[in-house]
Structures are given as C-alpha cells and as structure tokens.
Protein backbone atom coordinates (compact mmCIF):
# COMPACT_ATOMS: atom_id res chain seq x y z
CA MET A 1 -0.19 19.64 8.12
CA THR A 2 -2.89 19.41 5.47
CA ALA A 3 -6.23 20.94 6.36
CA ARG A 4 -8.84 18.34 7.16
CA GLY A 5 -11.31 19.28 4.45
CA GLU A 6 -8.74 19.04 1.66
CA VAL A 7 -8.20 15.28 1.90
CA GLN A 8 -10.59 13.03 0.00
CA PHE A 9 -8.42 9.96 -0.59
CA LEU A 10 -5.70 8.19 1.40
CA VAL A 11 -3.38 6.05 -0.70
CA PHE A 12 -1.53 3.63 1.53
CA ASP A 13 0.67 0.57 1.69
CA VAL A 14 1.83 -1.62 4.56
CA GLU A 15 4.99 -3.64 4.97
CA SER A 16 4.84 -6.38 7.55
CA ALA A 17 7.01 -9.03 9.18
CA ALA A 18 6.23 -12.17 11.11
CA ASP A 19 5.92 -11.92 14.88
CA GLY A 20 8.48 -14.56 15.80
CA GLU A 21 7.34 -14.83 19.41
CA LEU A 22 3.77 -15.48 18.28
CA VAL A 23 4.92 -18.06 15.71
CA SER A 24 6.98 -19.83 18.39
CA ARG A 25 4.06 -19.96 20.85
CA VAL A 26 1.35 -21.00 18.41
CA LYS A 27 3.15 -23.18 15.87
CA TYR A 28 5.83 -24.80 18.02
CA PRO A 29 4.67 -24.77 21.67
CA GLY A 30 7.05 -26.33 24.14
CA GLU A 31 9.99 -26.42 21.71
CA ASN A 32 11.66 -23.29 23.13
CA LEU A 33 12.50 -21.88 19.72
CA THR A 34 13.78 -18.33 19.53
CA PRO A 35 11.64 -15.95 17.44
CA GLN A 36 14.17 -16.13 14.61
CA GLN A 37 14.29 -19.92 14.75
CA ALA A 38 10.50 -20.18 14.72
CA VAL A 39 10.17 -17.87 11.72
CA ARG A 40 12.90 -19.71 9.83
CA ARG A 41 11.26 -23.06 10.47
CA PHE A 42 7.85 -21.80 9.40
CA ARG A 43 9.32 -20.34 6.20
CA ASP A 44 11.13 -23.60 5.46
CA GLU A 45 7.90 -25.56 5.90
CA LEU A 46 6.07 -23.19 3.54
CA LEU A 47 8.83 -23.60 0.97
CA ALA A 48 8.60 -27.36 1.21
CA GLU A 49 4.79 -27.29 0.85
CA SER A 50 5.01 -25.05 -2.23
CA GLU A 51 7.93 -26.95 -3.80
CA GLY A 52 10.25 -24.01 -3.28
CA GLN A 53 7.90 -21.37 -4.66
CA ARG A 54 6.73 -19.40 -1.63
CA ASP A 55 7.78 -18.81 1.99
CA PHE A 56 5.48 -15.87 2.83
CA ILE A 57 4.01 -16.34 6.29
CA PRO A 58 0.23 -15.64 6.49
CA TYR A 59 -0.70 -12.15 7.59
CA THR A 60 -2.40 -13.54 10.71
CA TYR A 61 1.07 -14.12 12.15
CA GLN A 62 2.40 -10.73 11.07
CA LEU A 63 2.74 -7.20 12.41
CA PRO A 64 2.99 -3.93 10.47
CA VAL A 65 6.58 -2.67 10.38
CA ALA A 66 6.00 0.30 8.04
CA ILE A 67 2.86 2.15 6.97
CA VAL A 68 3.09 4.93 4.40
CA ILE A 69 0.12 7.12 3.50
CA GLY A 70 -0.32 9.59 0.66
CA LYS A 71 -2.88 12.34 1.25
CA ILE A 72 -4.84 13.14 -1.90
CA SER A 73 -7.10 16.11 -2.61
CA PRO A 74 -10.52 15.96 -4.29
CA THR A 75 -8.74 17.02 -7.50
CA TYR A 76 -6.33 14.04 -7.21
CA GLU A 77 -3.33 16.15 -6.14
CA LEU A 78 -0.76 14.47 -3.89
CA LEU A 79 -0.64 16.75 -0.85
CA ASP A 80 1.77 14.87 1.38
CA LEU A 81 3.43 11.49 1.87
CA ILE A 82 4.15 10.30 5.40
CA SER A 83 5.58 7.19 7.01
CA LEU A 84 3.78 6.65 10.31
CA ASP A 85 5.81 6.76 13.53
CA GLU A 86 9.06 7.17 11.62
CA PRO A 87 11.85 6.46 12.63
CA HIS A 88 10.59 4.18 15.40
CA HIS A 89 7.99 2.21 13.41
CA ARG A 90 6.33 0.82 16.54
CA SER A 91 3.52 -1.47 15.51
CA PRO A 92 0.96 -0.38 18.17
CA MET A 93 1.62 3.32 17.48
CA MET A 94 1.46 2.93 13.69
CA THR A 95 -1.81 1.03 13.98
CA GLN A 96 -3.33 3.69 16.21
CA LEU A 97 -2.18 6.53 13.97
CA PHE A 98 -3.52 4.76 10.88
CA TRP A 99 -7.06 4.51 12.20
CA MET A 100 -6.93 7.90 13.93
CA GLY A 101 -5.96 9.48 10.61
CA TRP A 102 -9.00 8.04 8.89
CA GLU A 103 -11.20 9.54 11.63
CA HIS A 104 -9.34 12.87 11.58
CA TYR A 105 -9.95 13.39 7.88
CA LYS A 106 -13.62 12.48 8.20
CA HIS A 107 -13.51 9.01 6.62
CA PRO A 108 -11.84 9.55 3.24
CA THR A 109 -11.58 6.75 0.69
CA TRP A 110 -8.73 4.30 1.19
CA ILE A 111 -6.86 3.61 -2.06
CA THR A 112 -4.87 0.37 -2.24
CA PHE A 113 -3.57 -2.24 -4.62
CA ASN A 114 -4.75 -5.62 -3.33
CA GLY A 115 -5.47 -4.03 0.03
CA ARG A 116 -8.74 -5.92 0.17
CA THR A 117 -7.02 -9.22 0.84
CA PHE A 118 -3.94 -8.10 2.76
CA ASP A 119 -3.34 -4.53 3.96
CA LEU A 120 -6.72 -3.78 5.53
CA PRO A 121 -7.23 -7.24 7.06
CA LEU A 122 -3.74 -6.92 8.58
CA LEU A 123 -4.58 -3.54 10.10
CA GLU A 124 -7.98 -4.70 11.33
CA LEU A 125 -6.26 -7.62 13.04
CA ALA A 126 -3.65 -5.27 14.51
CA ALA A 127 -6.47 -3.14 15.92
CA PHE A 128 -7.97 -6.33 17.38
CA ARG A 129 -4.63 -7.24 18.97
CA TYR A 130 -4.09 -3.82 20.54
CA GLY A 131 -7.66 -3.33 21.70
CA LEU A 132 -8.60 -0.44 19.43
CA SER A 133 -12.26 0.36 18.82
CA LEU A 134 -13.31 1.03 15.21
CA PRO A 135 -17.06 1.64 15.40
CA ASN A 136 -17.22 3.89 12.33
CA TRP A 137 -15.26 1.43 10.21
CA PHE A 138 -17.34 -1.61 11.14
CA ALA A 139 -20.63 0.32 11.56
CA PRO A 140 -22.45 -2.83 12.77
CA LYS A 141 -25.87 -1.15 12.97
CA THR A 142 -25.68 0.12 9.38
CA LYS A 143 -27.08 -1.76 6.40
CA SER A 144 -24.55 -4.28 5.17
CA PHE A 145 -23.84 -2.58 1.84
CA ASP A 146 -23.32 0.80 3.53
CA GLN A 147 -20.77 -0.49 6.03
CA PRO A 148 -17.35 0.98 5.14
CA ARG A 149 -15.60 -2.38 5.21
CA ASN A 150 -18.10 -4.05 2.88
CA ARG A 151 -15.99 -5.43 0.05
CA PHE A 152 -18.12 -3.77 -2.64
CA ASN A 153 -18.35 -0.35 -0.97
CA GLY A 154 -16.08 1.77 -3.16
CA ARG A 155 -16.92 4.94 -1.26
CA TYR A 156 -14.63 3.97 1.61
CA HIS A 157 -12.14 1.64 -0.02
CA LEU A 158 -11.16 1.50 -3.66
CA ASP A 159 -8.92 -1.47 -4.38
CA LEU A 160 -7.30 -0.81 -7.74
CA LEU A 161 -6.82 -4.52 -8.28
CA ASP A 162 -10.60 -4.88 -8.19
CA ILE A 163 -10.87 -2.34 -10.99
CA LEU A 164 -8.32 -4.14 -13.15
CA THR A 165 -9.86 -7.59 -12.56
CA ASN A 166 -13.58 -6.67 -12.46
CA SER A 167 -13.70 -7.58 -8.76
CA GLY A 168 -11.77 -10.80 -9.22
CA ALA A 169 -13.41 -12.02 -12.42
CA SER A 170 -9.96 -12.26 -13.98
CA ARG A 171 -6.43 -12.68 -12.65
CA PHE A 172 -3.97 -9.81 -12.86
CA ALA A 173 -0.63 -11.59 -13.15
CA GLY A 174 2.23 -9.24 -12.34
CA GLY A 175 0.61 -7.23 -9.56
CA LEU A 176 1.44 -3.62 -8.74
CA ASN A 177 4.87 -4.03 -10.30
CA LEU A 178 3.34 -4.73 -13.72
CA ALA A 179 0.66 -2.05 -13.41
CA ALA A 180 3.32 0.54 -12.58
CA GLU A 181 5.62 -0.61 -15.39
CA LEU A 182 2.79 -0.28 -17.92
CA ILE A 183 2.54 3.45 -17.23
CA GLY A 184 6.27 4.19 -17.03
CA LYS A 185 6.75 4.03 -13.26
CA PRO A 186 9.54 2.08 -11.57
CA GLY A 187 7.66 -0.79 -9.97
CA LYS A 188 10.03 -2.90 -7.91
CA MET A 189 13.54 -1.49 -7.81
CA SER A 190 16.26 -2.80 -5.47
CA THR A 191 13.86 -4.28 -2.93
CA GLU A 192 11.24 -7.01 -3.32
CA GLY A 193 8.43 -7.84 -0.94
CA ASP A 194 9.88 -11.22 -0.05
CA MET A 195 12.98 -9.46 1.31
CA ILE A 196 11.12 -7.58 4.06
CA GLN A 197 11.31 -10.30 6.71
CA ASP A 198 15.09 -10.55 6.44
CA MET A 199 15.45 -6.76 6.34
CA PHE A 200 13.32 -6.45 9.47
CA GLU A 201 15.43 -8.99 11.33
CA GLU A 202 18.51 -7.01 10.29
CA GLY A 203 17.00 -3.81 11.71
CA LYS A 204 16.70 -2.06 8.33
CA LEU A 205 13.56 -0.10 9.21
CA ARG A 206 14.48 2.99 7.17
CA GLU A 207 15.07 0.87 4.08
CA ILE A 208 11.71 -0.87 4.58
CA SER A 209 9.98 2.50 4.95
CA ASP A 210 11.66 3.77 1.78
CA TYR A 211 10.46 0.70 -0.12
CA CYS A 212 6.96 1.34 1.19
CA ARG A 213 7.12 4.98 0.08
CA CYS A 214 7.89 3.88 -3.46
CA ASP A 215 5.01 1.39 -3.44
CA VAL A 216 2.65 4.19 -2.39
CA LEU A 217 3.93 6.39 -5.22
CA ASP A 218 3.36 3.57 -7.70
CA THR A 219 -0.12 3.06 -6.27
CA TYR A 220 -0.88 6.77 -6.56
CA PHE A 221 0.11 6.87 -10.24
CA VAL A 222 -1.89 3.70 -10.94
CA PHE A 223 -4.81 5.37 -9.16
CA LEU A 224 -4.54 8.34 -11.52
CA ARG A 225 -4.54 6.07 -14.56
CA CYS A 226 -7.52 4.13 -13.21
CA ALA A 227 -9.34 7.46 -12.77
CA VAL A 228 -8.65 8.16 -16.44
CA LEU A 229 -9.83 4.66 -17.36
CA ARG A 230 -13.09 5.19 -15.46
CA GLY A 231 -13.69 8.61 -17.01
CA GLU A 232 -13.17 10.47 -13.74
CA LEU A 233 -9.99 12.28 -14.79
CA HIS A 234 -8.97 13.76 -18.14
CA PRO A 235 -5.68 12.41 -19.56
CA ASP A 236 -4.29 15.95 -19.76
CA ALA A 237 -5.01 16.38 -16.06
CA GLU A 238 -3.19 13.13 -15.34
CA ARG A 239 -0.13 14.43 -17.16
CA GLU A 240 -0.25 17.70 -15.24
CA LEU A 241 -0.60 15.91 -11.90
CA THR A 242 2.26 13.58 -12.77
CA ALA A 243 4.57 16.47 -13.63
CA GLN A 244 3.51 18.30 -10.49
CA THR A 245 4.26 15.25 -8.35
CA TYR A 246 7.67 14.80 -9.96
CA SER A 247 8.48 18.41 -9.11
CA TRP A 248 7.36 17.93 -5.51
CA LEU A 249 9.47 14.79 -5.13
CA GLU A 250 12.50 16.73 -6.36
CA THR A 251 12.04 19.18 -3.48
CA GLN A 252 12.00 16.26 -1.02
CA GLN A 253 15.11 14.47 -2.28
CA GLU A 254 17.50 15.88 0.32
CA GLN A 255 15.36 14.56 3.16
CA PHE A 256 14.39 11.35 1.36
CA PRO A 257 17.14 10.27 -1.07
CA ILE A 258 15.01 7.32 -2.19
CA TYR A 259 12.94 9.79 -4.24
CA GLN A 260 15.96 10.53 -6.42
CA GLN A 261 16.24 6.83 -7.19
CA TYR A 262 12.51 6.65 -7.86
CA LEU A 263 12.52 9.59 -10.26
CA ALA A 264 15.57 8.27 -12.08
CA ALA A 265 13.70 5.00 -12.72
CA CYS A 266 10.61 6.70 -14.15
CA ARG A 267 10.38 6.72 -17.92
CA GLN A 268 8.14 7.86 -20.71
CA PRO A 269 5.78 5.05 -21.79
CA SER A 270 6.66 3.52 -25.13
CA ALA A 271 4.55 3.95 -28.25
CA LYS A 272 2.94 0.58 -27.54
CA GLU A 273 1.95 1.75 -24.05
CA SER A 274 0.67 5.22 -24.94
CA MET A 275 -1.16 5.97 -28.17
CA LEU A 276 -2.52 9.34 -27.10
CA GLU A 277 -0.88 12.72 -27.49
CA PRO A 278 -1.59 15.73 -25.27
CA GLY A 279 -4.68 17.51 -26.48
CA LYS A 280 -5.86 14.52 -28.58
CA SER A 281 -7.37 12.39 -25.85
CA GLU A 282 -11.11 12.76 -26.31
CA GLY A 283 -11.51 10.42 -29.27
CA HIS A 284 -12.66 13.08 -31.75
C-alpha cells in the first residue's frame, strides 16, 4: 500500500453497463421486459434515431462495472494500478471505495480523459443512488470556483481533453485512442468501448477490467505528455518515467497478462510524431 503523502494524482477510468432492471422500469413500465430485453430495445431505438451510428445508452441509466485507478506521485511516477473490488466488481462497493480513496489520500487531483462529461458524473450519480455523502467533493459552503467539482477547478480534476481542446473551444476527433496513438501507445486494442455492454451481459468482468487497465495506462502516458506540453515536466523526465513504467509493467505480467499485450503494442513514435532527441529538448 502506498503511503498517503506520496499520492498527488489519481488517474482513473470507468467502464459501465446499462442497468437493465432500471431501463425496464423507467422506459417500458408495464411491459414486463426482462433486463436484457429492455436494454436491447433501448439500444435498437438509439440506433434507429442515429441512423445506425450509435447505440450507447445514456450514463444516467448505467452502473459502473469496472473502475481502475493509477496512483501517481508528485514527481509523476506511477506507484500502483488497482482495479477496485476485483474480482467481484460490485457497483456499490466500487463506488464507495472510489470516493473513500479520494478522502484517504487527502483529496488528490483526479486525472481523466473526458471524465468531465462521463466518468465523474456517473460516479456522482452512483453515490446518489447508494446514499453516499460527499461533503468535501461538493463543498456547498465554499465559494463556487473553489468547490472541487467546479468544472474549471484544475486543482481537483484535470480533464486532459480540456487541455487538448482549450476547455471545449475545439473538437478533438479521435478521443483517447488518437491521443495515445500520437505518442506511440496502443490506444484501443482488441476491445472497444461499445463492446462493454455485451461483455458485461456475458459475464466477462475480468476482460472488462483489463480493458479499463489499458485505458488508464493510456491516460497516464497522455497525462505525462500534457505535463510536458504545459511546461510542468521536462521531456527527458517523461522518457525516464515511461521507461520506468514499462519495466514495472513487465514485473506485473504474470499476474496481469494484459500488460504483456499492452507492452507489445507500444511503439516508438515516428519521425513525424517526435522531432526531439534526448538532451535536445530545450529549444536552444
């Protein structure tokens, strides 16, 4: 267990699936649909509305089915990577552990990719559902800008998508997959986000957790590059941290074989993607 004072950032990602019982009750009352039938019908309706483009059910009907968190030191070192309540992945327990962890480490900065619009709202709603109290997160008696959940308060939540789009001024087509690919990381491998619902219904919780682990790793490496972009981390330090993380993942491969697949998919950025050489990164 990492000592409390060593953690300054928590990089996380959530995978979720529709609550079929809730969908059946709210969307199709009195029709006696099974959870699977209700979800299938809802997805079919979304496909029809989007002319076959999208069947993702809104997060308000979803539950977390995997939450993976990377613990990061003040010097940007990845200290640990955990999947909450593994192997059970019970939604109430994961939600409780998520918010307890933030309190335990004295309110570190959440690091996400598009967590502003999905991951954190999902986990706030889960806390609402399960009756959890989050007074330090909402801080209702604090000035609006100082409240941790204020969308422009980067002290408590740094959404990397906000950095890359100037807080939504532009559109970042390609998402985390593209951002990871740009810096030589795997991005999406054998699993895509739109597969999670089917995987959940098939009971593939370990596979979902593994997918989430890889998303957190991608997010961590994008976080490092954003720190370089913002002048908070030297490029040489990024390279050292990357190599160090690769070495750590190698030691974890026996317990988590997905890391072997992840490492095998990493590559050196091409000349078009990286113009700087080690030791020549200060522009003079």
